[in-house]
Amino acid sequence: MNCSHCNSENTKKNGHTHYGKQNYLCHNCNRQFVEGGQDWFVNESDKILINKLLLERISLSGICRVCDLSQQWLLSYIKDLYKSLPDDLNADLTLPDIESYLGDRMDEEIGRIEVIKKIRLHYKSTFKYQIMR
């Protein structure tokens, strides 16, 4: 009997299922399987599709319907994806030089206030001219 997952011949009988079918155990990959049972493994091309669907923010129920998966499998797959992410998500955590940063922000704010003053002065002179007529 060959393993349905790794195709190894290094298997042994491992009791029976609750349906009475012979259960086997693979010594190479430690998986249990039944002769003639369905293959429940998700191949790599389907996982790539699932990753793309997750990035599109489609509902989990929708992904399960499209890919013909159980929600339990999908949730465990997502959990494994989160475990594989780095803790800092590769973010640059160094702070900029505070003096130059604040100086740049202050210059921007001063420029913004000067533009507002010019606009107000323009409106005052425009409305004052209209009132005097």
C-alpha atoms as a PDB file:
ATOM      1  CA  MET A   1       0.000   0.000   0.000  1.00  0.00           C
ATOM      2  CA  ASN A   2       1.416   3.425  -1.027  1.00  0.00           C
ATOM      3  CA  CYS A   3       0.892   6.590   0.993  1.00  0.00           C
ATOM      4  CA  SER A   4      -1.597   8.922  -0.652  1.00  0.00           C
ATOM      5  CA  HIS A   5       0.426  11.975   0.405  1.00  0.00           C
ATOM      6  CA  CYS A   6       4.111  11.152  -0.212  1.00  0.00           C
ATOM      7  CA  ASN A   7       3.644   7.964  -2.298  1.00  0.00           C
ATOM      8  CA  SER A   8       5.950   6.011   0.023  1.00  0.00           C
ATOM      9  CA  GLU A   9       5.663   2.224   0.399  1.00  0.00           C
ATOM     10  CA  ASN A  10       6.832   2.429   4.032  1.00  0.00           C
ATOM     11  CA  THR A  11       3.347   2.013   5.528  1.00  0.00           C
ATOM     12  CA  LYS A  12       1.623  -0.253   8.025  1.00  0.00           C
ATOM     13  CA  LYS A  13      -1.914  -1.118   8.998  1.00  0.00           C
ATOM     14  CA  ASN A  14      -3.192   1.178  11.722  1.00  0.00           C
ATOM     15  CA  GLY A  15      -6.580  -0.065  12.929  1.00  0.00           C
ATOM     16  CA  HIS A  16      -9.919   0.717  11.348  1.00  0.00           C
ATOM     17  CA  THR A  17     -11.954   3.865  10.842  1.00  0.00           C
ATOM     18  CA  HIS A  18     -15.319   4.282  12.531  1.00  0.00           C
ATOM     19  CA  TYR A  19     -16.835   3.234   9.193  1.00  0.00           C
ATOM     20  CA  GLY A  20     -14.962  -0.076   9.366  1.00  0.00           C
ATOM     21  CA  LYS A  21     -12.408   0.656   6.616  1.00  0.00           C
ATOM     22  CA  GLN A  22      -8.752  -0.331   7.048  1.00  0.00           C
ATOM     23  CA  ASN A  23      -6.622   2.601   8.240  1.00  0.00           C
ATOM     24  CA  TYR A  24      -2.937   2.896   7.304  1.00  0.00           C
ATOM     25  CA  LEU A  25      -0.024   4.899   8.745  1.00  0.00           C
ATOM     26  CA  CYS A  26       2.915   6.185   6.693  1.00  0.00           C
ATOM     27  CA  HIS A  27       6.261   5.993   8.485  1.00  0.00           C
ATOM     28  CA  ASN A  28       7.814   8.691   6.265  1.00  0.00           C
ATOM     29  CA  CYS A  29       5.296  11.531   6.647  1.00  0.00           C
ATOM     30  CA  ASN A  30       3.347  10.192   9.699  1.00  0.00           C
ATOM     31  CA  ARG A  31       0.001  10.632   7.968  1.00  0.00           C
ATOM     32  CA  GLN A  32      -2.949   8.317   8.298  1.00  0.00           C
ATOM     33  CA  PHE A  33      -4.953   7.370   5.242  1.00  0.00           C
ATOM     34  CA  VAL A  34      -7.539   4.926   3.994  1.00  0.00           C
ATOM     35  CA  GLU A  35      -7.149   2.883   0.827  1.00  0.00           C
ATOM     36  CA  GLY A  36      -9.349   4.377  -1.881  1.00  0.00           C
ATOM     37  CA  GLY A  37     -10.133   7.401   0.318  1.00  0.00           C
ATOM     38  CA  GLN A  38     -10.483  10.898  -1.011  1.00  0.00           C
ATOM     39  CA  ASP A  39      -7.394  13.065  -1.270  1.00  0.00           C
ATOM     40  CA  TRP A  40      -8.048  16.162   0.896  1.00  0.00           C
ATOM     41  CA  PHE A  41      -4.725  17.872   0.287  1.00  0.00           C
ATOM     42  CA  VAL A  42      -4.668  21.345  -1.215  1.00  0.00           C
ATOM     43  CA  ASN A  43      -2.015  21.680  -3.909  1.00  0.00           C
ATOM     44  CA  GLU A  44       0.319  24.660  -4.289  1.00  0.00           C
ATOM     45  CA  SER A  45      -1.533  26.215  -7.225  1.00  0.00           C
ATOM     46  CA  ASP A  46      -4.738  26.285  -5.149  1.00  0.00           C
ATOM     47  CA  LYS A  47      -2.832  27.855  -2.242  1.00  0.00           C
ATOM     48  CA  ILE A  48      -1.549  30.586  -4.571  1.00  0.00           C
ATOM     49  CA  LEU A  49      -5.132  31.261  -5.668  1.00  0.00           C
ATOM     50  CA  ILE A  50      -6.272  31.329  -2.021  1.00  0.00           C
ATOM     51  CA  ASN A  51      -3.520  33.837  -1.170  1.00  0.00           C
ATOM     52  CA  LYS A  52      -4.660  36.095  -4.024  1.00  0.00           C
ATOM     53  CA  LEU A  53      -8.287  35.834  -2.920  1.00  0.00           C
ATOM     54  CA  LEU A  54      -7.303  36.719   0.659  1.00  0.00           C
ATOM     55  CA  LEU A  55      -5.523  39.840  -0.608  1.00  0.00           C
ATOM     56  CA  GLU A  56      -8.700  40.870  -2.442  1.00  0.00           C
ATOM     57  CA  ARG A  57     -10.554  40.915   0.904  1.00  0.00           C
ATOM     58  CA  ILE A  58     -13.192  38.458  -0.298  1.00  0.00           C
ATOM     59  CA  SER A  59     -15.228  36.866   2.484  1.00  0.00           C
ATOM     60  CA  LEU A  60     -13.918  33.599   3.905  1.00  0.00           C
ATOM     61  CA  SER A  61     -17.206  31.891   3.060  1.00  0.00           C
ATOM     62  CA  GLY A  62     -16.828  33.030  -0.545  1.00  0.00           C
ATOM     63  CA  ILE A  63     -13.270  31.692  -0.744  1.00  0.00           C
ATOM     64  CA  CYS A  64     -14.453  28.358   0.671  1.00  0.00           C
ATOM     65  CA  ARG A  65     -17.214  28.149  -1.947  1.00  0.00           C
ATOM     66  CA  VAL A  66     -14.932  29.039  -4.863  1.00  0.00           C
ATOM     67  CA  CYS A  67     -12.062  26.744  -3.868  1.00  0.00           C
ATOM     68  CA  ASP A  68     -14.276  23.955  -2.477  1.00  0.00           C
ATOM     69  CA  LEU A  69     -12.656  24.063   0.990  1.00  0.00           C
ATOM     70  CA  SER A  70     -13.894  23.786   4.531  1.00  0.00           C
ATOM     71  CA  GLN A  71     -13.835  26.895   6.705  1.00  0.00           C
ATOM     72  CA  GLN A  72     -11.893  24.954   9.329  1.00  0.00           C
ATOM     73  CA  TRP A  73      -9.083  24.251   6.841  1.00  0.00           C
ATOM     74  CA  LEU A  74      -9.064  27.866   5.617  1.00  0.00           C
ATOM     75  CA  LEU A  75      -8.908  29.273   9.149  1.00  0.00           C
ATOM     76  CA  SER A  76      -6.006  26.974  10.079  1.00  0.00           C
ATOM     77  CA  TYR A  77      -4.235  27.986   6.839  1.00  0.00           C
ATOM     78  CA  ILE A  78      -4.667  31.693   7.669  1.00  0.00           C
ATOM     79  CA  LYS A  79      -3.420  31.026  11.202  1.00  0.00           C
ATOM     80  CA  ASP A  80      -0.282  29.400   9.772  1.00  0.00           C
ATOM     81  CA  LEU A  81       0.207  32.375   7.439  1.00  0.00           C
ATOM     82  CA  TYR A  82       0.083  34.785  10.394  1.00  0.00           C
ATOM     83  CA  LYS A  83       2.547  32.656  12.342  1.00  0.00           C
ATOM     84  CA  SER A  84       5.019  32.829   9.463  1.00  0.00           C
ATOM     85  CA  LEU A  85       4.938  36.650   9.337  1.00  0.00           C
ATOM     86  CA  PRO A  86       7.780  38.499  11.074  1.00  0.00           C
ATOM     87  CA  ASP A  87       6.866  40.282  14.294  1.00  0.00           C
ATOM     88  CA  ASP A  88       7.843  43.728  13.002  1.00  0.00           C
ATOM     89  CA  LEU A  89       6.370  43.153   9.482  1.00  0.00           C
ATOM     90  CA  ASN A  90       9.712  44.440   8.118  1.00  0.00           C
ATOM     91  CA  ALA A  91       8.822  47.988   9.151  1.00  0.00           C
ATOM     92  CA  ASP A  92      11.552  50.588   9.568  1.00  0.00           C
ATOM     93  CA  LEU A  93      11.291  51.439  13.253  1.00  0.00           C
ATOM     94  CA  THR A  94      14.044  54.069  13.353  1.00  0.00           C
ATOM     95  CA  LEU A  95      12.875  57.552  14.278  1.00  0.00           C
ATOM     96  CA  PRO A  96      13.876  60.539  12.130  1.00  0.00           C
ATOM     97  CA  ASP A  97      16.064  63.291  13.555  1.00  0.00           C
ATOM     98  CA  ILE A  98      13.517  65.159  15.669  1.00  0.00           C
ATOM     99  CA  GLU A  99      15.056  68.621  15.160  1.00  0.00           C
ATOM    100  CA  SER A 100      15.018  68.498  11.369  1.00  0.00           C
ATOM    101  CA  TYR A 101      11.603  66.811  11.324  1.00  0.00           C
ATOM    102  CA  LEU A 102      10.014  69.476  13.534  1.00  0.00           C
ATOM    103  CA  GLY A 103      11.794  72.236  11.600  1.00  0.00           C
ATOM    104  CA  ASP A 104      10.338  70.970   8.312  1.00  0.00           C
ATOM    105  CA  ARG A 105       6.839  70.694   9.796  1.00  0.00           C
ATOM    106  CA  MET A 106       7.118  74.195  11.283  1.00  0.00           C
ATOM    107  CA  ASP A 107       8.169  75.660   7.907  1.00  0.00           C
ATOM    108  CA  GLU A 108       5.191  73.948   6.248  1.00  0.00           C
ATOM    109  CA  GLU A 109       2.798  75.301   8.867  1.00  0.00           C
ATOM    110  CA  ILE A 110       4.181  78.833   8.589  1.00  0.00           C
ATOM    111  CA  GLY A 111       3.799  78.691   4.797  1.00  0.00           C
ATOM    112  CA  ARG A 112       0.209  77.476   5.151  1.00  0.00           C
ATOM    113  CA  ILE A 113      -0.650  80.308   7.587  1.00  0.00           C
ATOM    114  CA  GLU A 114       0.879  82.912   5.256  1.00  0.00           C
ATOM    115  CA  VAL A 115      -1.281  81.658   2.385  1.00  0.00           C
ATOM    116  CA  ILE A 116      -4.386  81.901   4.603  1.00  0.00           C
ATOM    117  CA  LYS A 117      -3.462  85.495   5.570  1.00  0.00           C
ATOM    118  CA  LYS A 118      -3.092  86.460   1.891  1.00  0.00           C
ATOM    119  CA  ILE A 119      -6.488  84.931   1.068  1.00  0.00           C
ATOM    120  CA  ARG A 120      -8.174  86.776   3.972  1.00  0.00           C
ATOM    121  CA  LEU A 121      -6.534  90.061   3.006  1.00  0.00           C
ATOM    122  CA  HIS A 122      -7.735  89.579  -0.567  1.00  0.00           C
ATOM    123  CA  TYR A 123     -11.325  88.898   0.599  1.00  0.00           C
ATOM    124  CA  LYS A 124     -11.286  91.926   2.917  1.00  0.00           C
ATOM    125  CA  SER A 125     -10.112  94.245   0.185  1.00  0.00           C
ATOM    126  CA  THR A 126     -12.609  92.778  -2.313  1.00  0.00           C
ATOM    127  CA  PHE A 127     -15.605  93.055   0.006  1.00  0.00           C
ATOM    128  CA  LYS A 128     -14.556  96.505   1.248  1.00  0.00           C
ATOM    129  CA  TYR A 129     -14.416  97.735  -2.367  1.00  0.00           C
ATOM    130  CA  GLN A 130     -17.906  96.278  -3.080  1.00  0.00           C
ATOM    131  CA  ILE A 131     -19.413  97.845   0.059  1.00  0.00           C
ATOM    132  CA  MET A 132     -18.011 101.308  -0.773  1.00  0.00           C
ATOM    133  CA  ARG A 133     -19.659 101.340  -4.206  1.00  0.00           C
END
